Amino acid sequence: MNGRGLIAAALGLAAALLVTYLALGGGDYEPTPVADPCVPREWRSPEGVEEAAAQFSLSALDGAACELHVSRETLALALATPEARQRFAAAYGIDDARLEAAVRAGLVRGIDDAERAGALSPVVAGGLRAIAASIPVEQAIALIEDASAIFDDADGLLGDLGGLLGSAGDLLP
C-alpha cells in the first residue's frame, strides 16, 4: 500500500469513529446534575471501618448542606480550611451560629443513617447524638472529614458501654 492509500484509510477510520461517536450520543454530553443533599441516599453495606466512615462523612455533609441549602460539594470545599469557611459564609450570608448548627445537624444525620444501616448500634448512636449536640465545631468538622474514629470506637469503648448497660438491665427486677 502506498502513502496515499494509508492516508485515505486513516481518514476513513477517523470518519467512522466520528460517526459512531455522534450516533452513540457523544454530541449531546451534559454533566450529571448535582444531587439534592436533602434527599436521603441509601447506604451500601459498609464492610470495614473505612467504608462506614466514608459513607458517614457523605451523609453528614449531605445533612449539613441540606440545612444550608447548598450542594454537598460546595460545603465540602467550604469546610476544608478556616479561610474557605469565612469565604463561604460571606458569599452565602451565613453567620457562625447557623454554620455550627448545620454542621451539628449533619453529624446527627450521619449518625441516624449509620444506625439505620446497622453500622452503629442504637446505644452507640444515642451516645454520639448527645456528643454531637455540644461538640466544638472544629471537632465536628474533623469528624465529618475523617469519621474512622467513630467506627473504630464503636467496637471498642462505646461498644463496651453498650455491654455494661445491657448487663445492668439484666440485674434490674
N, C-alpha and C. Protein backbone atom coordinates (compact mmCIF):
# COMPACT_ATOMS: atom_id res chain seq x y z
N MET A 1 0.85 -1.17 0.00
CA MET A 1 0.00 0.00 0.00
C MET A 1 0.90 1.23 0.00
N ASN A 2 0.53 2.22 -0.81
CA ASN A 2 1.35 3.43 -0.89
C ASN A 2 0.93 4.46 0.15
N GLY A 3 1.60 5.58 0.20
CA GLY A 3 1.35 6.63 1.18
C GLY A 3 -0.06 7.20 1.08
N ARG A 4 -0.55 7.38 -0.18
CA ARG A 4 -1.89 7.94 -0.36
C ARG A 4 -2.95 6.97 0.15
N GLY A 5 -2.72 5.69 -0.01
CA GLY A 5 -3.68 4.68 0.45
C GLY A 5 -3.75 4.66 1.98
N LEU A 6 -2.60 4.81 2.64
CA LEU A 6 -2.57 4.86 4.11
C LEU A 6 -3.30 6.09 4.64
N ILE A 7 -3.09 7.22 3.98
CA ILE A 7 -3.77 8.45 4.39
C ILE A 7 -5.28 8.31 4.20
N ALA A 8 -5.69 7.74 3.08
CA ALA A 8 -7.12 7.55 2.81
C ALA A 8 -7.73 6.59 3.84
N ALA A 9 -7.01 5.53 4.19
CA ALA A 9 -7.52 4.57 5.18
C ALA A 9 -7.64 5.23 6.55
N ALA A 10 -6.64 6.04 6.92
CA ALA A 10 -6.68 6.73 8.21
C ALA A 10 -7.83 7.73 8.27
N LEU A 11 -8.07 8.47 7.19
CA LEU A 11 -9.19 9.41 7.15
C LEU A 11 -10.52 8.67 7.22
N GLY A 12 -10.61 7.53 6.55
CA GLY A 12 -11.84 6.73 6.60
C GLY A 12 -12.12 6.23 8.01
N LEU A 13 -11.10 5.73 8.69
CA LEU A 13 -11.27 5.27 10.08
C LEU A 13 -11.64 6.41 11.01
N ALA A 14 -11.02 7.58 10.82
CA ALA A 14 -11.34 8.73 11.64
C ALA A 14 -12.80 9.15 11.43
N ALA A 15 -13.25 9.14 10.18
CA ALA A 15 -14.65 9.50 9.89
C ALA A 15 -15.59 8.47 10.51
N ALA A 16 -15.26 7.19 10.44
CA ALA A 16 -16.10 6.14 11.04
C ALA A 16 -16.17 6.31 12.55
N LEU A 17 -15.05 6.64 13.18
CA LEU A 17 -15.02 6.87 14.62
C LEU A 17 -15.91 8.07 15.00
N LEU A 18 -15.84 9.15 14.23
CA LEU A 18 -16.64 10.33 14.48
C LEU A 18 -18.14 10.03 14.33
N VAL A 19 -18.50 9.30 13.28
CA VAL A 19 -19.91 8.95 13.06
C VAL A 19 -20.42 8.07 14.19
N THR A 20 -19.62 7.10 14.64
CA THR A 20 -20.01 6.22 15.74
C THR A 20 -20.18 7.01 17.03
N TYR A 21 -19.28 7.92 17.30
CA TYR A 21 -19.33 8.77 18.49
C TYR A 21 -20.62 9.58 18.52
N LEU A 22 -20.94 10.20 17.39
CA LEU A 22 -22.15 11.01 17.32
C LEU A 22 -23.40 10.14 17.39
N ALA A 23 -23.38 8.97 16.78
CA ALA A 23 -24.54 8.07 16.81
C ALA A 23 -24.84 7.58 18.22
N LEU A 24 -23.82 7.46 19.05
CA LEU A 24 -24.00 7.00 20.43
C LEU A 24 -24.29 8.14 21.40
N GLY A 25 -24.53 9.34 20.88
CA GLY A 25 -24.92 10.46 21.74
C GLY A 25 -23.77 11.31 22.23
N GLY A 26 -22.60 11.16 21.67
CA GLY A 26 -21.44 11.92 22.13
C GLY A 26 -21.56 13.41 21.89
N GLY A 27 -22.41 13.83 20.97
CA GLY A 27 -22.56 15.25 20.68
C GLY A 27 -23.47 15.96 21.67
N ASP A 28 -24.21 15.21 22.49
CA ASP A 28 -25.17 15.79 23.42
C ASP A 28 -24.75 15.61 24.87
N TYR A 29 -23.48 15.64 25.16
CA TYR A 29 -23.00 15.41 26.52
C TYR A 29 -23.48 16.51 27.45
N GLU A 30 -24.04 16.11 28.56
CA GLU A 30 -24.38 17.02 29.65
C GLU A 30 -23.85 16.40 30.94
N PRO A 31 -23.22 17.19 31.78
CA PRO A 31 -22.72 16.63 33.03
C PRO A 31 -23.88 16.16 33.91
N THR A 32 -23.59 15.19 34.74
CA THR A 32 -24.59 14.70 35.68
C THR A 32 -24.93 15.83 36.65
N PRO A 33 -26.21 16.08 36.85
CA PRO A 33 -26.57 17.16 37.78
C PRO A 33 -26.15 16.82 39.21
N VAL A 34 -25.90 17.85 39.99
CA VAL A 34 -25.52 17.67 41.39
C VAL A 34 -26.74 17.15 42.14
N ALA A 35 -26.53 16.14 42.96
CA ALA A 35 -27.62 15.53 43.73
C ALA A 35 -28.12 16.48 44.80
N ASP A 36 -29.41 16.39 45.08
CA ASP A 36 -30.03 17.19 46.13
C ASP A 36 -29.60 16.62 47.48
N PRO A 37 -28.93 17.40 48.33
CA PRO A 37 -28.46 16.86 49.61
C PRO A 37 -29.59 16.55 50.59
N CYS A 38 -30.77 17.06 50.33
CA CYS A 38 -31.91 16.81 51.24
C CYS A 38 -32.57 15.47 50.97
N VAL A 39 -32.26 14.86 49.84
CA VAL A 39 -32.82 13.55 49.52
C VAL A 39 -31.91 12.48 50.12
N PRO A 40 -32.47 11.64 51.00
CA PRO A 40 -31.63 10.59 51.62
C PRO A 40 -31.04 9.66 50.56
N ARG A 41 -29.80 9.29 50.77
CA ARG A 41 -29.13 8.34 49.88
C ARG A 41 -29.00 7.02 50.63
N GLU A 42 -29.24 5.96 49.90
CA GLU A 42 -29.16 4.64 50.53
C GLU A 42 -27.71 4.28 50.82
N TRP A 43 -27.48 3.77 52.01
CA TRP A 43 -26.14 3.30 52.37
C TRP A 43 -25.94 1.94 51.74
N ARG A 44 -24.77 1.77 51.15
CA ARG A 44 -24.39 0.43 50.72
C ARG A 44 -23.98 -0.34 51.96
N SER A 45 -23.89 -1.62 51.87
CA SER A 45 -23.46 -2.42 53.03
C SER A 45 -21.99 -2.15 53.29
N PRO A 46 -21.70 -1.32 54.30
CA PRO A 46 -20.30 -1.00 54.54
C PRO A 46 -19.55 -2.19 55.10
N GLU A 47 -18.40 -2.44 54.53
CA GLU A 47 -17.53 -3.52 55.02
C GLU A 47 -16.26 -2.88 55.56
N GLY A 48 -16.18 -2.80 56.85
CA GLY A 48 -14.99 -2.26 57.47
C GLY A 48 -15.14 -0.80 57.85
N VAL A 49 -14.18 -0.36 58.61
CA VAL A 49 -14.18 0.98 59.17
C VAL A 49 -14.11 2.04 58.08
N GLU A 50 -13.26 1.86 57.10
CA GLU A 50 -13.06 2.88 56.07
C GLU A 50 -14.33 3.13 55.26
N GLU A 51 -15.03 2.07 54.84
CA GLU A 51 -16.26 2.24 54.06
C GLU A 51 -17.36 2.88 54.90
N ALA A 52 -17.50 2.45 56.13
CA ALA A 52 -18.51 3.04 57.01
C ALA A 52 -18.20 4.51 57.26
N ALA A 53 -16.94 4.83 57.48
CA ALA A 53 -16.54 6.21 57.73
C ALA A 53 -16.79 7.08 56.50
N ALA A 54 -16.49 6.57 55.32
CA ALA A 54 -16.72 7.33 54.09
C ALA A 54 -18.21 7.61 53.90
N GLN A 55 -19.04 6.61 54.11
CA GLN A 55 -20.48 6.81 53.96
C GLN A 55 -21.01 7.77 55.01
N PHE A 56 -20.50 7.66 56.23
CA PHE A 56 -20.90 8.59 57.29
C PHE A 56 -20.56 10.02 56.89
N SER A 57 -19.35 10.23 56.40
CA SER A 57 -18.91 11.58 56.02
C SER A 57 -19.81 12.16 54.93
N LEU A 58 -20.13 11.35 53.93
CA LEU A 58 -21.01 11.83 52.86
C LEU A 58 -22.40 12.16 53.39
N SER A 59 -22.91 11.32 54.27
CA SER A 59 -24.22 11.54 54.86
C SER A 59 -24.23 12.80 55.72
N ALA A 60 -23.19 12.98 56.52
CA ALA A 60 -23.10 14.17 57.37
C ALA A 60 -22.97 15.44 56.53
N LEU A 61 -22.19 15.38 55.46
CA LEU A 61 -22.09 16.53 54.56
C LEU A 61 -23.43 16.84 53.92
N ASP A 62 -24.15 15.79 53.49
CA ASP A 62 -25.48 15.99 52.92
C ASP A 62 -26.40 16.68 53.93
N GLY A 63 -26.39 16.21 55.17
CA GLY A 63 -27.25 16.80 56.19
C GLY A 63 -26.94 18.27 56.43
N ALA A 64 -25.69 18.60 56.54
CA ALA A 64 -25.31 20.00 56.77
C ALA A 64 -25.61 20.85 55.54
N ALA A 65 -25.34 20.32 54.36
CA ALA A 65 -25.61 21.06 53.12
C ALA A 65 -27.10 21.30 52.95
N CYS A 66 -27.91 20.33 53.32
CA CYS A 66 -29.37 20.50 53.24
C CYS A 66 -29.82 21.64 54.14
N GLU A 67 -29.29 21.69 55.35
CA GLU A 67 -29.63 22.77 56.28
C GLU A 67 -29.28 24.14 55.72
N LEU A 68 -28.18 24.21 54.97
CA LEU A 68 -27.69 25.49 54.44
C LEU A 68 -28.18 25.78 53.03
N HIS A 69 -28.89 24.82 52.42
CA HIS A 69 -29.42 24.97 51.05
C HIS A 69 -28.31 25.18 50.02
N VAL A 70 -27.25 24.37 50.15
CA VAL A 70 -26.15 24.36 49.19
C VAL A 70 -25.87 22.91 48.82
N SER A 71 -25.05 22.71 47.82
CA SER A 71 -24.70 21.34 47.44
C SER A 71 -23.67 20.76 48.41
N ARG A 72 -23.64 19.44 48.46
CA ARG A 72 -22.65 18.77 49.32
C ARG A 72 -21.24 19.14 48.89
N GLU A 73 -21.02 19.23 47.59
CA GLU A 73 -19.69 19.55 47.07
C GLU A 73 -19.26 20.96 47.47
N THR A 74 -20.20 21.91 47.41
CA THR A 74 -19.90 23.28 47.81
C THR A 74 -19.51 23.33 49.28
N LEU A 75 -20.26 22.61 50.10
CA LEU A 75 -19.96 22.62 51.54
C LEU A 75 -18.64 21.91 51.83
N ALA A 76 -18.37 20.82 51.15
CA ALA A 76 -17.11 20.11 51.37
C ALA A 76 -15.92 21.03 51.12
N LEU A 77 -15.99 21.80 50.04
CA LEU A 77 -14.91 22.75 49.76
C LEU A 77 -14.85 23.84 50.82
N ALA A 78 -16.00 24.28 51.31
CA ALA A 78 -16.04 25.35 52.30
C ALA A 78 -15.46 24.90 53.64
N LEU A 79 -15.63 23.64 53.99
CA LEU A 79 -15.15 23.17 55.29
C LEU A 79 -13.67 22.81 55.29
N ALA A 80 -13.02 22.87 54.15
CA ALA A 80 -11.63 22.43 54.03
C ALA A 80 -10.67 23.23 54.90
N THR A 81 -10.87 24.52 54.99
CA THR A 81 -9.98 25.37 55.80
C THR A 81 -10.80 26.47 56.47
N PRO A 82 -10.27 27.06 57.54
CA PRO A 82 -10.99 28.19 58.16
C PRO A 82 -11.20 29.36 57.18
N GLU A 83 -10.22 29.60 56.32
CA GLU A 83 -10.35 30.69 55.34
C GLU A 83 -11.46 30.39 54.35
N ALA A 84 -11.55 29.13 53.91
CA ALA A 84 -12.61 28.73 52.98
C ALA A 84 -13.97 28.88 53.65
N ARG A 85 -14.05 28.55 54.94
CA ARG A 85 -15.32 28.72 55.68
C ARG A 85 -15.72 30.19 55.73
N GLN A 86 -14.75 31.07 55.96
CA GLN A 86 -15.05 32.50 56.02
C GLN A 86 -15.55 33.00 54.66
N ARG A 87 -14.90 32.57 53.58
CA ARG A 87 -15.33 32.98 52.24
C ARG A 87 -16.73 32.46 51.94
N PHE A 88 -16.98 31.20 52.31
CA PHE A 88 -18.28 30.58 52.10
C PHE A 88 -19.36 31.33 52.88
N ALA A 89 -19.09 31.60 54.15
CA ALA A 89 -20.06 32.30 55.00
C ALA A 89 -20.38 33.69 54.44
N ALA A 90 -19.36 34.39 53.98
CA ALA A 90 -19.58 35.72 53.42
C ALA A 90 -20.37 35.64 52.11
N ALA A 91 -20.05 34.68 51.27
CA ALA A 91 -20.72 34.55 49.97
C ALA A 91 -22.19 34.16 50.11
N TYR A 92 -22.51 33.35 51.12
CA TYR A 92 -23.88 32.86 51.29
C TYR A 92 -24.64 33.56 52.43
N GLY A 93 -24.01 34.53 53.07
CA GLY A 93 -24.67 35.26 54.15
C GLY A 93 -25.01 34.39 55.35
N ILE A 94 -24.07 33.53 55.73
CA ILE A 94 -24.29 32.59 56.83
C ILE A 94 -23.41 33.01 58.01
N ASP A 95 -24.02 33.17 59.18
CA ASP A 95 -23.23 33.52 60.35
C ASP A 95 -22.68 32.25 61.01
N ASP A 96 -21.78 32.44 61.98
CA ASP A 96 -21.12 31.31 62.63
C ASP A 96 -22.12 30.38 63.31
N ALA A 97 -23.12 30.96 63.97
CA ALA A 97 -24.10 30.13 64.69
C ALA A 97 -24.87 29.22 63.74
N ARG A 98 -25.25 29.77 62.59
CA ARG A 98 -26.00 28.95 61.61
C ARG A 98 -25.12 27.85 61.03
N LEU A 99 -23.86 28.18 60.75
CA LEU A 99 -22.94 27.18 60.22
C LEU A 99 -22.71 26.08 61.25
N GLU A 100 -22.51 26.45 62.50
CA GLU A 100 -22.30 25.46 63.56
C GLU A 100 -23.52 24.56 63.72
N ALA A 101 -24.71 25.16 63.70
CA ALA A 101 -25.94 24.37 63.83
C ALA A 101 -26.09 23.39 62.66
N ALA A 102 -25.74 23.84 61.47
CA ALA A 102 -25.84 22.97 60.29
C ALA A 102 -24.84 21.81 60.37
N VAL A 103 -23.63 22.10 60.82
CA VAL A 103 -22.62 21.04 60.95
C VAL A 103 -23.07 20.01 61.98
N ARG A 104 -23.62 20.47 63.10
CA ARG A 104 -24.12 19.53 64.11
C ARG A 104 -25.31 18.73 63.58
N ALA A 105 -26.20 19.38 62.84
CA ALA A 105 -27.33 18.66 62.23
C ALA A 105 -26.82 17.62 61.24
N GLY A 106 -25.77 17.95 60.54
CA GLY A 106 -25.16 17.00 59.61
C GLY A 106 -24.62 15.78 60.34
N LEU A 107 -23.96 16.02 61.47
CA LEU A 107 -23.45 14.90 62.28
C LEU A 107 -24.60 13.99 62.72
N VAL A 108 -25.68 14.60 63.16
CA VAL A 108 -26.83 13.80 63.61
C VAL A 108 -27.40 12.98 62.45
N ARG A 109 -27.48 13.59 61.27
CA ARG A 109 -27.98 12.83 60.11
C ARG A 109 -27.05 11.66 59.80
N GLY A 110 -25.75 11.89 59.85
CA GLY A 110 -24.80 10.81 59.61
C GLY A 110 -24.96 9.70 60.63
N ILE A 111 -25.15 10.06 61.89
CA ILE A 111 -25.35 9.06 62.96
C ILE A 111 -26.64 8.29 62.72
N ASP A 112 -27.71 9.01 62.40
CA ASP A 112 -29.00 8.36 62.14
C ASP A 112 -28.89 7.37 60.97
N ASP A 113 -28.24 7.81 59.89
CA ASP A 113 -28.10 6.95 58.72
C ASP A 113 -27.23 5.73 59.03
N ALA A 114 -26.17 5.94 59.81
CA ALA A 114 -25.30 4.82 60.18
C ALA A 114 -26.04 3.82 61.05
N GLU A 115 -26.87 4.32 61.94
CA GLU A 115 -27.66 3.42 62.80
C GLU A 115 -28.66 2.62 61.95
N ARG A 116 -29.36 3.31 61.03
CA ARG A 116 -30.32 2.62 60.16
C ARG A 116 -29.64 1.55 59.30
N ALA A 117 -28.40 1.81 58.90
CA ALA A 117 -27.66 0.87 58.06
C ALA A 117 -27.04 -0.26 58.87
N GLY A 118 -27.12 -0.18 60.20
CA GLY A 118 -26.54 -1.22 61.04
C GLY A 118 -25.05 -1.04 61.29
N ALA A 119 -24.51 0.12 60.90
CA ALA A 119 -23.08 0.36 61.11
C ALA A 119 -22.80 0.82 62.54
N LEU A 120 -23.83 1.33 63.24
CA LEU A 120 -23.71 1.72 64.64
C LEU A 120 -24.87 1.11 65.41
N SER A 121 -24.59 0.67 66.63
CA SER A 121 -25.66 0.14 67.47
C SER A 121 -26.49 1.30 68.00
N PRO A 122 -27.73 1.05 68.40
CA PRO A 122 -28.56 2.13 68.96
C PRO A 122 -27.94 2.79 70.20
N VAL A 123 -27.28 2.00 71.02
CA VAL A 123 -26.65 2.57 72.23
C VAL A 123 -25.53 3.53 71.84
N VAL A 124 -24.68 3.10 70.91
CA VAL A 124 -23.58 3.95 70.47
C VAL A 124 -24.13 5.19 69.77
N ALA A 125 -25.13 5.00 68.90
CA ALA A 125 -25.72 6.13 68.17
C ALA A 125 -26.31 7.15 69.14
N GLY A 126 -26.98 6.68 70.19
CA GLY A 126 -27.55 7.59 71.18
C GLY A 126 -26.48 8.41 71.87
N GLY A 127 -25.39 7.76 72.25
CA GLY A 127 -24.28 8.48 72.87
C GLY A 127 -23.66 9.49 71.93
N LEU A 128 -23.51 9.11 70.68
CA LEU A 128 -22.92 10.03 69.70
C LEU A 128 -23.84 11.23 69.43
N ARG A 129 -25.15 11.01 69.43
CA ARG A 129 -26.09 12.13 69.25
C ARG A 129 -25.93 13.15 70.39
N ALA A 130 -25.77 12.66 71.61
CA ALA A 130 -25.58 13.55 72.75
C ALA A 130 -24.28 14.34 72.60
N ILE A 131 -23.25 13.68 72.13
CA ILE A 131 -21.96 14.36 71.91
C ILE A 131 -22.09 15.39 70.80
N ALA A 132 -22.81 15.05 69.72
CA ALA A 132 -22.96 15.95 68.57
C ALA A 132 -23.64 17.25 68.96
N ALA A 133 -24.48 17.22 69.98
CA ALA A 133 -25.21 18.42 70.39
C ALA A 133 -24.30 19.49 70.97
N SER A 134 -23.15 19.09 71.51
CA SER A 134 -22.31 20.08 72.19
C SER A 134 -20.85 20.07 71.75
N ILE A 135 -20.50 19.26 70.80
CA ILE A 135 -19.11 19.18 70.35
C ILE A 135 -18.68 20.52 69.74
N PRO A 136 -17.47 20.97 70.00
CA PRO A 136 -16.98 22.18 69.33
C PRO A 136 -16.98 22.00 67.81
N VAL A 137 -17.30 23.05 67.11
CA VAL A 137 -17.50 22.95 65.66
C VAL A 137 -16.24 22.46 64.95
N GLU A 138 -15.07 22.84 65.42
CA GLU A 138 -13.83 22.37 64.78
C GLU A 138 -13.72 20.85 64.88
N GLN A 139 -14.08 20.30 66.03
CA GLN A 139 -14.05 18.84 66.20
C GLN A 139 -15.14 18.18 65.37
N ALA A 140 -16.29 18.82 65.26
CA ALA A 140 -17.38 18.28 64.44
C ALA A 140 -16.95 18.20 62.98
N ILE A 141 -16.30 19.25 62.51
CA ILE A 141 -15.82 19.26 61.13
C ILE A 141 -14.76 18.18 60.94
N ALA A 142 -13.88 18.02 61.92
CA ALA A 142 -12.86 16.97 61.83
C ALA A 142 -13.50 15.59 61.76
N LEU A 143 -14.59 15.37 62.50
CA LEU A 143 -15.29 14.08 62.43
C LEU A 143 -15.94 13.86 61.07
N ILE A 144 -16.47 14.93 60.49
CA ILE A 144 -17.06 14.80 59.16
C ILE A 144 -15.97 14.47 58.15
N GLU A 145 -14.82 15.11 58.28
CA GLU A 145 -13.73 14.87 57.34
C GLU A 145 -13.12 13.48 57.49
N ASP A 146 -13.05 12.97 58.71
CA ASP A 146 -12.50 11.64 58.96
C ASP A 146 -13.24 10.99 60.11
N ALA A 147 -14.25 10.22 59.76
CA ALA A 147 -15.11 9.60 60.77
C ALA A 147 -14.63 8.23 61.20
N SER A 148 -13.45 7.83 60.79
CA SER A 148 -12.99 6.48 61.13
C SER A 148 -12.90 6.27 62.64
N ALA A 149 -12.61 7.33 63.40
CA ALA A 149 -12.53 7.19 64.86
C ALA A 149 -13.86 6.76 65.45
N ILE A 150 -14.95 7.23 64.87
CA ILE A 150 -16.28 6.85 65.37
C ILE A 150 -16.46 5.35 65.24
N PHE A 151 -16.09 4.81 64.10
CA PHE A 151 -16.34 3.40 63.84
C PHE A 151 -15.28 2.50 64.46
N ASP A 152 -14.08 3.03 64.69
CA ASP A 152 -13.08 2.28 65.45
C ASP A 152 -13.57 2.13 66.89
N ASP A 153 -14.07 3.24 67.46
CA ASP A 153 -14.54 3.23 68.84
C ASP A 153 -15.85 2.48 69.00
N ALA A 154 -16.63 2.38 67.92
CA ALA A 154 -17.94 1.72 68.03
C ALA A 154 -17.78 0.28 68.50
N ASP A 155 -16.70 -0.37 68.14
CA ASP A 155 -16.46 -1.73 68.59
C ASP A 155 -15.59 -1.77 69.84
N GLY A 156 -15.10 -0.61 70.25
CA GLY A 156 -14.22 -0.55 71.41
C GLY A 156 -14.93 -0.01 72.63
N LEU A 157 -14.52 1.17 73.06
CA LEU A 157 -15.05 1.74 74.30
C LEU A 157 -16.55 1.94 74.26
N LEU A 158 -17.07 2.48 73.18
CA LEU A 158 -18.51 2.72 73.12
C LEU A 158 -19.27 1.40 73.08
N GLY A 159 -18.73 0.40 72.43
CA GLY A 159 -19.36 -0.91 72.42
C GLY A 159 -19.36 -1.52 73.81
N ASP A 160 -18.27 -1.32 74.57
CA ASP A 160 -18.21 -1.80 75.95
C ASP A 160 -19.27 -1.12 76.81
N LEU A 161 -19.51 0.18 76.55
CA LEU A 161 -20.54 0.90 77.27
C LEU A 161 -21.90 0.25 77.04
N GLY A 162 -22.18 -0.11 75.79
CA GLY A 162 -23.44 -0.78 75.50
C GLY A 162 -23.56 -2.10 76.22
N GLY A 163 -22.46 -2.86 76.34
CA GLY A 163 -22.47 -4.12 77.06
C GLY A 163 -22.73 -3.91 78.54
N LEU A 164 -22.12 -2.87 79.11
CA LEU A 164 -22.35 -2.58 80.52
C LEU A 164 -23.80 -2.20 80.79
N LEU A 165 -24.38 -1.40 79.91
CA LEU A 165 -25.77 -1.01 80.06
C LEU A 165 -26.68 -2.22 79.94
N GLY A 166 -26.36 -3.11 79.02
CA GLY A 166 -27.15 -4.32 78.87
C GLY A 166 -27.06 -5.22 80.11
N SER A 167 -25.86 -5.32 80.68
CA SER A 167 -25.66 -6.12 81.88
C SER A 167 -26.41 -5.52 83.06
N ALA A 168 -26.39 -4.19 83.17
CA ALA A 168 -27.09 -3.53 84.26
C ALA A 168 -28.59 -3.77 84.14
N GLY A 169 -29.10 -3.80 82.92
CA GLY A 169 -30.53 -4.05 82.69
C GLY A 169 -30.92 -5.44 83.12
N ASP A 170 -30.00 -6.40 83.00
CA ASP A 170 -30.29 -7.79 83.41
C ASP A 170 -30.41 -7.90 84.93
N LEU A 171 -29.77 -6.98 85.65
CA LEU A 171 -29.79 -7.04 87.11
C LEU A 171 -31.06 -6.44 87.70
N LEU A 172 -31.78 -5.64 86.90
CA LEU A 172 -32.99 -5.00 87.40
C LEU A 172 -34.12 -5.99 87.49
N PRO A 173 -35.03 -5.83 88.48
CA PRO A 173 -36.15 -6.77 88.63
C PRO A 173 -37.16 -6.63 87.53
